[in-house]
Each structure stands twice: as C-alpha cells, then as structure tokens.
Protein backbone atom coordinates (compact mmCIF):
# COMPACT_ATOMS: atom_id res chain seq x y z
CA MET A 1 132.23 10.36 -74.49
CA SER A 2 135.33 11.20 -76.46
CA LYS A 3 135.46 8.75 -79.35
CA SER A 4 137.43 8.61 -82.56
CA SER A 5 138.18 5.96 -85.14
CA SER A 6 141.46 4.59 -86.37
CA PHE A 7 142.51 1.76 -88.65
CA VAL A 8 144.01 -1.27 -86.93
CA CYS A 9 145.83 -4.11 -88.68
CA GLN A 10 144.11 -7.41 -87.95
CA GLN A 11 147.42 -9.28 -88.33
CA CYS A 12 149.88 -7.37 -86.14
CA GLY A 13 147.84 -4.63 -84.41
CA TYR A 14 149.48 -1.68 -86.20
CA ASN A 15 147.45 1.51 -85.69
CA SER A 16 147.05 4.09 -88.46
CA PRO A 17 144.96 7.31 -88.58
CA GLN A 18 143.96 6.54 -92.18
CA TRP A 19 143.30 3.48 -94.29
CA LEU A 20 146.28 1.89 -96.01
CA GLY A 21 146.16 -0.86 -98.58
CA ARG A 22 149.24 -2.50 -97.11
CA CYS A 23 150.32 -2.59 -93.47
CA PRO A 24 153.70 -0.85 -93.09
CA ASN A 25 154.58 -3.10 -90.14
CA CYS A 26 153.79 -6.66 -91.29
CA GLN A 27 153.34 -5.98 -95.03
CA ALA A 28 149.89 -7.67 -95.09
CA TRP A 29 147.46 -6.47 -97.76
CA ASN A 30 143.93 -5.20 -96.94
CA SER A 31 144.33 -5.99 -93.24
CA LEU A 32 143.55 -2.53 -91.80
CA VAL A 33 140.00 -2.29 -90.39
CA GLU A 34 138.34 0.83 -89.04
CA THR A 35 137.89 0.56 -85.28
CA ILE A 36 136.41 2.90 -82.66
CA SER A 37 139.03 4.06 -80.18
CA GLU A 38 138.64 5.89 -76.89
CA ASN A 39 141.16 7.93 -75.00
CA ARG A 40 142.91 6.27 -72.06
CA LYS A 41 141.12 8.29 -69.38
CA GLN A 42 137.67 7.49 -70.76
CA LYS A 43 138.59 3.82 -71.10
CA THR A 44 139.45 3.67 -67.40
CA VAL A 45 136.12 5.27 -66.43
CA ASN A 46 134.13 2.93 -68.67
CA ARG A 47 135.96 -0.12 -67.36
CA LYS A 48 135.17 0.78 -63.75
CA GLN A 49 131.51 1.37 -64.61
CA LYS A 50 131.20 -1.99 -66.37
CA THR A 51 133.12 -4.20 -63.97
CA GLY A 52 132.15 -2.65 -60.62
CA ASN A 53 133.08 -5.13 -57.90
CA ASN A 54 133.30 -8.06 -60.26
CA LYS A 55 135.58 -10.72 -58.73
CA PRO A 56 136.34 -14.40 -59.39
CA GLN A 57 133.83 -16.87 -57.91
CA ALA A 58 134.05 -20.54 -57.11
CA LEU A 59 132.14 -22.73 -59.53
CA LYS A 60 130.12 -24.35 -56.72
CA ASP A 61 128.98 -20.93 -55.46
CA ILE A 62 127.51 -19.78 -58.78
CA SER A 63 123.71 -20.01 -58.88
CA LEU A 64 121.93 -20.59 -62.17
CA LYS A 65 118.90 -18.60 -63.23
CA GLU A 66 116.29 -20.81 -64.79
CA SER A 67 115.50 -19.43 -68.27
CA ARG A 68 112.57 -20.73 -70.25
CA ARG A 69 113.12 -21.23 -73.94
CA ILE A 70 110.80 -19.40 -76.32
CA PRO A 71 108.98 -21.65 -78.85
CA THR A 72 109.02 -20.15 -82.35
CA GLY A 73 105.93 -21.87 -83.70
CA PHE A 74 108.08 -23.99 -86.03
CA GLU A 75 108.93 -27.43 -84.66
CA GLU A 76 111.83 -27.80 -87.08
CA LEU A 77 113.40 -24.49 -86.03
CA ASP A 78 112.94 -25.34 -82.35
CA ARG A 79 114.61 -28.71 -82.96
CA VAL A 80 117.66 -27.08 -84.59
CA VAL A 81 118.27 -24.46 -81.87
CA GLY A 82 117.81 -26.98 -79.05
CA GLY A 83 114.15 -26.75 -78.06
CA GLY A 84 113.41 -23.06 -78.55
CA ILE A 85 115.19 -19.72 -78.51
CA VAL A 86 117.04 -18.77 -75.35
CA PRO A 87 116.12 -15.27 -74.05
CA GLY A 88 118.93 -12.82 -74.67
CA SER A 89 120.63 -15.01 -77.27
CA VAL A 90 121.82 -13.76 -80.65
CA ILE A 91 121.38 -15.98 -83.72
CA LEU A 92 123.01 -15.43 -87.11
CA LEU A 93 121.02 -16.82 -90.06
CA ALA A 94 122.76 -17.01 -93.44
CA GLY A 95 121.84 -18.39 -96.85
CA ASP A 96 121.81 -17.74 -100.57
CA PRO A 97 119.68 -14.89 -101.99
CA GLY A 98 116.03 -15.87 -102.48
CA ILE A 99 116.32 -19.04 -100.39
CA GLY A 100 113.65 -17.89 -97.88
CA LYS A 101 115.54 -16.33 -94.96
CA SER A 102 113.36 -13.22 -94.75
CA THR A 103 110.19 -15.25 -95.31
CA LEU A 104 110.97 -17.62 -92.45
CA LEU A 105 111.92 -14.83 -90.04
CA LEU A 106 108.87 -12.75 -90.95
CA GLN A 107 106.66 -15.71 -90.04
CA VAL A 108 108.55 -16.28 -86.79
CA CYS A 109 108.42 -12.58 -85.91
CA HIS A 110 104.66 -12.58 -86.53
CA LYS A 111 104.09 -15.56 -84.24
CA LEU A 112 106.24 -14.05 -81.48
CA CYS A 113 104.77 -10.53 -81.89
CA GLY A 114 108.26 -9.10 -82.29
CA LEU A 115 110.02 -6.22 -84.03
CA TYR A 116 111.11 -6.71 -87.64
CA VAL A 117 113.89 -4.30 -88.63
CA SER A 118 114.42 -4.05 -92.38
CA GLY A 119 117.45 -2.37 -93.86
CA GLU A 120 116.68 -3.50 -97.41
CA GLU A 121 112.95 -2.80 -97.78
CA SER A 122 110.52 -0.11 -96.74
CA VAL A 123 107.74 -0.89 -94.28
CA GLU A 124 105.23 -0.80 -97.15
CA GLN A 125 107.20 -3.45 -99.05
CA VAL A 126 107.43 -5.65 -95.96
CA LYS A 127 103.67 -5.33 -95.45
CA ILE A 128 103.02 -6.42 -99.04
CA ARG A 129 105.11 -9.54 -98.42
CA ALA A 130 103.34 -10.16 -95.10
CA GLU A 131 99.90 -9.95 -96.74
CA ARG A 132 101.02 -12.38 -99.45
CA LEU A 133 101.94 -14.82 -96.68
CA GLY A 134 98.60 -14.29 -94.97
CA LEU A 135 100.01 -12.51 -91.90
CA ASN A 136 97.73 -9.89 -90.35
CA GLY A 137 100.44 -8.51 -88.07
CA ASN A 138 98.17 -7.15 -85.33
CA LYS A 139 100.95 -7.21 -82.73
CA MET A 140 104.06 -7.33 -84.92
CA THR A 141 105.87 -4.02 -85.45
CA LEU A 142 108.02 -2.93 -88.38
CA LEU A 143 110.96 -0.55 -88.56
CA ALA A 144 112.83 0.42 -91.75
CA ASP A 145 116.19 1.82 -90.66
CA THR A 146 119.91 1.24 -91.11
CA ASP A 147 121.18 3.32 -88.17
CA THR A 148 122.45 0.85 -85.57
CA ASP A 149 122.32 3.33 -82.69
CA ASN A 150 118.75 4.41 -83.45
CA ILE A 151 117.61 0.78 -83.70
CA CYS A 152 119.15 0.01 -80.30
CA GLU A 153 117.36 3.05 -78.84
CA GLN A 154 114.03 1.85 -80.25
CA ILE A 155 114.60 -1.62 -78.79
CA GLU A 156 115.36 -0.15 -75.36
CA GLN A 157 112.30 2.11 -75.54
CA PHE A 158 109.65 -0.36 -76.80
CA LYS A 159 111.16 -3.56 -75.29
CA PRO A 160 109.85 -6.04 -77.92
CA SER A 161 109.76 -9.73 -77.11
CA PHE A 162 111.78 -10.64 -80.19
CA VAL A 163 113.85 -8.75 -82.81
CA VAL A 164 114.89 -9.54 -86.38
CA ILE A 165 117.68 -7.55 -88.06
CA ASP A 166 117.51 -7.93 -91.84
CA SER A 167 120.36 -7.67 -92.64
CA ILE A 168 123.61 -6.92 -90.79
CA GLN A 169 125.35 -5.88 -94.03
CA THR A 170 122.98 -2.90 -94.36
CA MET A 171 123.56 -1.59 -90.83
CA GLU A 172 125.97 1.23 -89.98
CA THR A 173 126.93 3.49 -87.09
CA LEU A 174 127.89 7.13 -87.51
CA ASP A 175 130.82 6.60 -85.15
CA LEU A 176 132.66 5.01 -88.08
CA THR A 177 133.34 6.58 -91.45
CA GLY A 178 133.15 3.39 -93.50
CA MET A 179 130.10 2.57 -95.57
CA ALA A 180 127.56 -0.10 -94.63
CA GLY A 181 128.86 -3.61 -95.26
CA ALA A 182 132.47 -2.73 -94.50
CA VAL A 183 134.29 -5.01 -92.09
CA GLY A 184 134.43 -2.37 -89.35
CA GLN A 185 130.74 -1.48 -89.70
CA VAL A 186 129.58 -5.10 -89.64
CA ARG A 187 131.66 -5.95 -86.58
CA GLU A 188 130.75 -2.82 -84.62
CA SER A 189 127.03 -3.01 -85.48
CA ALA A 190 126.90 -6.68 -84.49
CA SER A 191 128.67 -5.91 -81.21
CA ARG A 192 126.10 -3.24 -80.33
CA PHE A 193 123.16 -5.49 -81.14
CA ILE A 194 124.68 -8.27 -79.02
CA ARG A 195 125.20 -5.87 -76.12
CA CYS A 196 121.58 -4.73 -76.44
CA ALA A 197 120.30 -8.33 -76.47
CA LYS A 198 122.28 -9.32 -73.38
CA GLU A 199 121.34 -6.23 -71.37
CA MET A 200 117.62 -6.34 -72.30
CA THR A 201 117.37 -10.17 -72.32
CA ILE A 202 115.73 -9.96 -75.75
CA PRO A 203 116.53 -12.61 -78.39
CA ILE A 204 117.77 -11.18 -81.67
CA ILE A 205 118.13 -12.96 -85.01
CA ILE A 206 120.53 -11.32 -87.45
CA VAL A 207 120.39 -12.08 -91.17
CA GLY A 208 123.77 -12.37 -92.87
CA HIS A 209 124.63 -12.38 -96.56
CA VAL A 210 126.86 -15.07 -98.05
CA THR A 211 129.62 -14.90 -100.63
CA LYS A 212 129.62 -16.83 -103.90
CA GLU A 213 131.60 -19.56 -102.13
CA GLY A 214 128.73 -19.96 -99.61
CA MET A 215 130.59 -18.40 -96.66
CA ILE A 216 129.09 -15.65 -94.49
CA ALA A 217 130.14 -12.27 -95.86
CA GLY A 218 132.08 -9.97 -93.56
CA PRO A 219 134.60 -10.64 -90.79
CA LYS A 220 134.94 -14.14 -89.38
CA VAL A 221 134.73 -12.61 -85.90
CA LEU A 222 131.02 -12.11 -86.56
CA GLU A 223 130.44 -15.86 -86.22
CA HIS A 224 132.47 -15.92 -83.00
CA LEU A 225 130.44 -13.10 -81.44
CA VAL A 226 126.97 -14.62 -81.85
CA ASP A 227 125.59 -17.55 -79.86
CA THR A 228 124.21 -19.57 -82.77
CA VAL A 229 125.01 -19.75 -86.49
CA LEU A 230 122.37 -21.21 -88.83
CA TYR A 231 122.52 -21.89 -92.58
CA LEU A 232 119.41 -22.16 -94.75
CA GLU A 233 120.14 -24.34 -97.77
CA GLY A 234 118.30 -25.56 -100.82
CA GLU A 235 117.74 -24.97 -104.51
CA ARG A 236 115.73 -21.89 -105.45
CA PHE A 237 113.55 -23.92 -107.82
CA GLN A 238 112.97 -26.77 -105.38
CA LEU A 239 110.45 -26.86 -102.54
CA LEU A 240 112.87 -28.35 -100.03
CA ARG A 241 114.80 -26.17 -97.55
CA LEU A 242 117.28 -27.49 -94.99
CA LEU A 243 118.22 -25.52 -91.89
CA ARG A 244 121.62 -26.54 -90.55
CA VAL A 245 123.40 -25.35 -87.43
CA ALA A 246 127.14 -24.61 -87.55
CA LYS A 247 127.47 -23.31 -84.00
CA ASN A 248 125.20 -23.45 -80.97
CA ARG A 249 126.14 -22.50 -77.42
CA PHE A 250 122.81 -23.68 -76.02
CA GLY A 251 122.16 -26.91 -77.91
CA PRO A 252 123.46 -29.59 -80.28
CA VAL A 253 125.23 -28.85 -83.55
CA ASP A 254 124.15 -31.98 -85.43
CA GLU A 255 120.44 -31.27 -85.89
CA VAL A 256 118.83 -30.41 -89.22
CA GLY A 257 115.44 -28.79 -89.79
CA VAL A 258 113.44 -29.59 -92.92
CA PHE A 259 111.05 -27.05 -94.43
CA GLU A 260 108.89 -26.85 -97.51
CA MET A 261 108.63 -23.54 -99.36
CA ASN A 262 105.24 -22.78 -100.89
CA ASP A 263 103.01 -19.81 -101.71
CA ASN A 264 102.11 -19.40 -98.03
CA GLY A 265 105.72 -19.31 -96.87
CA MET A 266 107.69 -21.88 -94.91
CA LYS A 267 106.07 -25.03 -93.60
CA ASP A 268 107.46 -27.75 -91.30
CA VAL A 269 108.11 -31.14 -92.88
CA LYS A 270 107.53 -33.65 -90.09
CA ASN A 271 108.28 -36.73 -92.22
CA PRO A 272 110.96 -35.79 -94.78
CA SER A 273 111.17 -39.34 -96.18
CA GLN A 274 107.67 -39.03 -97.62
CA LEU A 275 108.77 -35.88 -99.44
CA PHE A 276 111.54 -37.76 -101.25
CA LEU A 277 109.77 -41.09 -101.66
CA GLY A 278 106.37 -39.92 -102.86
CA GLN A 279 106.78 -41.78 -106.15
CA THR A 280 109.25 -44.52 -105.28
CA THR A 281 106.95 -46.51 -102.98
CA ASP A 282 104.54 -47.27 -105.85
CA ASN A 283 104.92 -51.01 -106.50
CA SER A 284 102.93 -50.91 -109.73
CA LYS A 285 105.91 -49.72 -111.74
CA GLN A 286 109.57 -50.68 -111.49
CA LEU A 287 112.31 -48.79 -113.27
CA THR A 288 115.98 -49.53 -113.69
CA GLY A 289 118.62 -47.39 -112.00
CA SER A 290 116.62 -46.56 -108.85
CA VAL A 291 117.69 -47.49 -105.31
CA THR A 292 116.64 -46.10 -101.94
CA VAL A 293 119.23 -45.01 -99.37
CA CYS A 294 118.79 -44.09 -95.72
CA THR A 295 120.98 -41.08 -94.99
CA MET A 296 121.48 -39.26 -91.71
CA GLU A 297 120.75 -35.54 -91.51
CA GLY A 298 121.97 -34.71 -88.04
CA THR A 299 120.37 -37.28 -85.74
CA ARG A 300 117.43 -37.86 -88.07
CA PRO A 301 117.35 -40.73 -90.62
CA ILE A 302 115.90 -39.71 -94.00
CA LEU A 303 115.13 -42.02 -96.90
CA ALA A 304 115.92 -40.71 -100.38
CA GLU A 305 115.97 -42.10 -103.89
CA ILE A 306 119.26 -42.48 -105.77
CA GLN A 307 118.79 -42.46 -109.55
CA ALA A 308 121.43 -43.54 -112.07
CA LEU A 309 121.53 -43.55 -115.85
CA VAL A 310 124.25 -45.39 -117.79
CA VAL A 311 124.30 -44.90 -121.57
CA SER A 312 126.89 -45.72 -124.23
CA SER A 313 129.17 -42.84 -125.11
CA LYS A 314 130.87 -41.83 -128.33
CA LEU A 315 133.12 -39.34 -126.57
CA THR A 316 136.81 -39.93 -125.98
CA ILE A 317 136.28 -39.09 -122.32
CA PRO A 318 132.79 -40.22 -121.18
CA ARG A 319 130.66 -37.85 -119.15
CA ARG A 320 130.41 -38.14 -115.38
CA VAL A 321 127.57 -36.05 -113.93
CA ALA A 322 126.71 -35.98 -110.20
CA SER A 323 123.74 -34.05 -108.83
CA GLY A 324 123.19 -34.22 -105.09
CA VAL A 325 126.18 -36.49 -104.45
CA ASP A 326 129.90 -35.80 -104.21
CA PHE A 327 131.56 -35.99 -107.63
CA ASN A 328 134.80 -37.45 -106.25
CA ARG A 329 132.88 -40.22 -104.46
CA LEU A 330 131.17 -41.06 -107.76
CA GLN A 331 134.54 -41.33 -109.50
CA LEU A 332 135.80 -43.62 -106.74
CA ILE A 333 132.74 -45.89 -106.97
CA LEU A 334 133.06 -46.15 -110.75
CA ALA A 335 136.72 -47.11 -110.42
CA VAL A 336 135.85 -49.85 -107.91
CA LEU A 337 133.08 -51.23 -110.15
CA GLN A 338 135.46 -51.34 -113.12
CA LYS A 339 138.26 -53.02 -111.15
CA ARG A 340 136.37 -55.41 -108.85
CA LEU A 341 133.36 -56.29 -111.03
CA GLY A 342 134.94 -55.90 -114.47
CA MET A 343 132.29 -53.48 -115.71
CA PRO A 344 133.50 -51.51 -118.81
CA LEU A 345 132.14 -48.19 -117.58
CA TYR A 346 134.92 -46.36 -119.44
CA GLU A 347 132.74 -46.73 -122.54
CA TYR A 348 129.60 -45.24 -120.97
CA ASP A 349 128.30 -41.90 -119.78
CA VAL A 350 127.17 -42.08 -116.13
CA TYR A 351 124.62 -39.72 -114.58
CA VAL A 352 123.71 -39.90 -110.87
CA ASN A 353 121.01 -37.82 -109.20
CA VAL A 354 119.30 -37.58 -105.81
CA ALA A 355 115.57 -37.13 -106.34
CA GLY A 356 113.90 -34.20 -104.62
CA GLY A 357 116.90 -31.90 -104.49
CA LEU A 358 118.52 -33.41 -101.38
CA LYS A 359 122.33 -33.26 -101.15
CA ILE A 360 124.07 -36.30 -99.67
CA ASN A 361 127.71 -35.90 -98.70
CA GLU A 362 128.23 -38.90 -96.43
CA PRO A 363 129.88 -42.12 -97.74
CA ALA A 364 126.96 -44.21 -96.47
CA ALA A 365 125.30 -43.64 -99.86
CA ASP A 366 128.12 -45.43 -101.74
CA LEU A 367 126.38 -48.81 -101.84
CA ALA A 368 123.09 -47.34 -103.08
CA ILE A 369 124.91 -45.39 -105.80
CA ALA A 370 126.77 -48.52 -106.90
CA LEU A 371 123.58 -50.63 -107.03
CA ALA A 372 121.76 -47.95 -109.01
CA ILE A 373 124.61 -47.82 -111.54
CA ILE A 374 124.67 -51.62 -111.86
CA SER A 375 120.89 -51.71 -112.26
CA SER A 376 121.00 -49.18 -115.08
CA PHE A 377 124.03 -50.80 -116.73
CA LYS A 378 122.41 -54.29 -116.76
CA ASN A 379 118.97 -52.80 -117.49
CA LYS A 380 117.56 -54.81 -114.59
CA ALA A 381 115.10 -53.25 -112.16
CA LEU A 382 115.58 -53.82 -108.45
CA SER A 383 112.82 -54.26 -105.91
CA LYS A 384 111.06 -51.07 -104.92
CA MET A 385 111.15 -52.26 -101.34
CA LEU A 386 114.96 -52.47 -101.28
CA CYS A 387 117.11 -50.04 -99.29
CA ALA A 388 120.92 -49.97 -99.35
CA VAL A 389 123.30 -48.49 -96.78
CA GLY A 390 127.08 -48.83 -96.68
CA GLU A 391 130.44 -47.31 -97.55
CA ILE A 392 132.52 -48.86 -100.33
CA GLY A 393 136.29 -49.07 -99.93
CA LEU A 394 138.90 -49.21 -102.68
CA LEU A 395 139.26 -52.96 -102.18
CA GLY A 396 135.57 -53.43 -102.91
CA GLU A 397 134.66 -54.09 -99.28
CA ILE A 398 131.44 -52.75 -97.75
CA ARG A 399 132.34 -50.85 -94.62
CA ARG A 400 130.12 -50.18 -91.63
CA VAL A 401 128.68 -46.68 -91.19
CA GLY A 402 127.44 -44.78 -88.14
CA SER A 403 123.91 -45.21 -86.76
CA LEU A 404 123.40 -48.32 -88.89
CA GLU A 405 120.74 -49.83 -86.60
CA LYS A 406 118.85 -46.55 -86.60
CA ARG A 407 118.90 -46.43 -90.40
CA ILE A 408 117.67 -50.01 -90.73
CA LYS A 409 114.88 -49.39 -88.23
CA GLU A 410 113.71 -46.30 -90.17
CA ALA A 411 113.76 -48.20 -93.47
CA LYS A 412 111.63 -51.00 -92.02
CA ARG A 413 109.26 -48.45 -90.49
CA MET A 414 108.72 -47.00 -93.97
CA GLY A 415 107.82 -50.45 -95.30
CA TYR A 416 111.10 -51.58 -96.87
CA THR A 417 111.37 -55.36 -96.55
CA SER A 418 114.96 -55.76 -97.79
CA VAL A 419 117.91 -53.76 -96.46
CA ILE A 420 121.36 -54.37 -97.97
CA SER A 421 123.99 -53.34 -95.44
CA PRO A 422 127.38 -54.42 -94.01
CA GLN A 423 125.48 -56.68 -91.63
CA GLN A 424 124.65 -59.08 -94.50
CA TYR A 425 127.46 -58.54 -97.01
CA SER A 426 131.16 -57.86 -96.69
CA SER A 427 131.98 -56.90 -100.29
CA ILE A 428 130.34 -55.35 -103.34
CA LEU A 429 130.99 -58.58 -105.28
CA GLU A 430 129.06 -60.61 -102.72
CA ALA A 431 126.17 -58.10 -102.60
CA THR A 432 125.73 -58.05 -106.39
CA LYS A 433 126.34 -61.68 -107.35
CA ASN A 434 122.60 -62.31 -107.81
CA LEU A 435 121.94 -59.10 -109.78
C-alpha cells in the first residue's frame, strides 16, 4: 500500500508536507497534525474492499445479534459500564498518576485471562507488581511493546479474550514520523486498536494520561472514537477511589463505582456509607460542628459526614477553607447565614471538610454545611442520628433537591431517626430556631 504522511490543519483542512507552527490559510497556531494519507487510486480500492455491497437498510429489517456482557469480577466496575463489558467495545480509562489505574486493570486482566500490554514497564516489572498483588497469572499474558502495528498483529495471532493497553500515550506507529504522545500518533494508534477490537470482537481497555487540569491528554477526538470513557478519582493518600463514567454507548452515564485501595490492590466497597460513617454513628460521644448529609453519587445515595470549625480570627480578611465541597457554595452559605440569621461570621475563620476524602459538588449538601457551621459557632453539638438534605437559596429558603425520597429512605435504613429536609422546613431560619 502506498502511504505517506502530511500535516493537516484541524481548523480549516489546509494540507502541508511539513509541520508549520502557524497555518498559512486560517492563521491558527499549532493546529497542524500529522496524518497518514493515501493516493487517490489506493483510496478507491480500499473503499471498495471495505464497503462491498453495503446498502441502506430499513430499521425494521435489521436483526440484532445477542451479545453477552463479560463480567469483570468487580461488581462496582460492572455497575459503571452497565452490567459488564460488551465484546468488541473500547474503553478509555483516565486518572491522575498513582491513583490505581494500572492496578485495577491488572487485576481485571488477571481475572479475565487477558493480554496486558505495557508501554511503560518491562514484563519483569509488571510481574513484580502482580506478585505484590497476589496474582499468579497462570493464564494472563504480558507484552512490553510500544509498536502499535506489532501489538495488533499479536492480538490477531493469539486472539486473547481481553486486552489492556497501558498507555495510549506511549504507543506509536512507524507510518508517522512524530514521536509517541504526539496528537497524530495518539489518534492513529487509537484508531488501529479500535479497528482491531471491532474486527476481532475483543474488548480493549486503553489507559489515558491526564493533564494538570484533569483533562485527558491528547486530541479530544480520542474520547469521541471510543465507546466508553471512565475517570478514576481520589486522593493518593486516601483509601477511597471513585470510578465515574463520562460517556457510555452501552449503558448509563450517571453511575459511580466505589473502590478501596489497599496493599492487595483494588477492592469493591458495597456499602460506601459505612466507609464514611465508621466513627460518626458512635452515640457515646458528641462533638460540635458535625452533621451527616445524604448525597447522590450517580443513582446511589451515600451518607457522609460534614465537619465545620469556626474560630475567632485576628486577620483583616478571615480564612475560608473548603475541603471536599465547592468553595463558592461555602461563600454563598456564609453570606446567607450572616444576612438571614445575623451571625457575625466576618469575624471568624471558617473551615469545612468532608470526612473520608469524598468530594461533594451538588447543592443538596448546603443545609448540612450550614448546620455544621452553626453548631460549631454556637458550640452546641447536634444529635448523631440527625441527617440534613437541602439546597439553600439566597433568600434563606430551603429548596427541594432531586431523589429526596430516596435519600431519606437511605438515611433511615442506616439508623438515622431525624432527617431535616424541605419536607419539614421551608427556610433556614425555621430549621435552626431551636438550635
């Protein structure tokens, strides 16, 4: 096949035989990406070979092939992807360095007896990590390579049941001159792996690096090419790991998987509320500034502890510290408490934290944050069996949130006897008049 590469502007389509920092046609900077090009005659031949007698079909005449999903051995991962991995699908898994991406996929690959392709470690280094996790690897195979074409050949030859590519930023094809990690290399390598997965009906999980802003490194088209995009989140020094789905062609996009990272690798957390409330359900000791909230992670209600500390400040501008909650929401809540309840919080430092390392971004935690701040400010402990759910508006009203009945039911299931919500109170003043 007669192939060559050229540099194409991603903004206007200008074609150049060499890389240019600025497109001469549209004047865009750094928009030229190396792309494989074929001559017109070869393109025509390839198109005829691929399409054949492919013609439009009526929707009612299309028959579906029943495909059985592949269980991964992790209930949380199966929940996130929609009940198991679809054969022939391509999943992109991204996350911060050291968060546990390779650990999770090594365990999955071991359970599915698949092929683990490492572009960052040698096979000896992968084996050391596998032995540390207690994986014998009798049927799992390893391959240390960065050549995309050779990896595809090995997949076609050995036909593994499952493939992990770790990572896409280390892969390259000799058909392009750019180095591994370049936009053209990442896009072309991903395209070849996807083609291999679809033709062989073999599921492939691709590991992707992230930038310092938390976005997947490389071209945005990479996320459009794959079937599913997953993000593994958490703090490196915390045990908790959350697996979120940003895109899923074969399942929901609102599910969240909860894992615990320990010496033996990743472990499913079947009841996340117990992980965050291990110390808060002890009735023998009550502390000020602690309130439980029921937050929704996908379709799953999770109970977490909101902690607040209010101390007098000698600074001109008091400190406002938010860990696990949105800083702007904290500022809004403090303004409402000052205006509607007359609390002089402008003279105090305010610290708010979510115990256990969980991050809560939804406004349903507003009421719990407000009650924790009031409890710390008045130095009055609230009941350990109290749970608060509700959004606070600028007028001091408590607004209804989604899945409220589901949250209340989960709180009562966990033994909480009192639930403060918009069902009982309409304003923050009414909810706190007895505090």
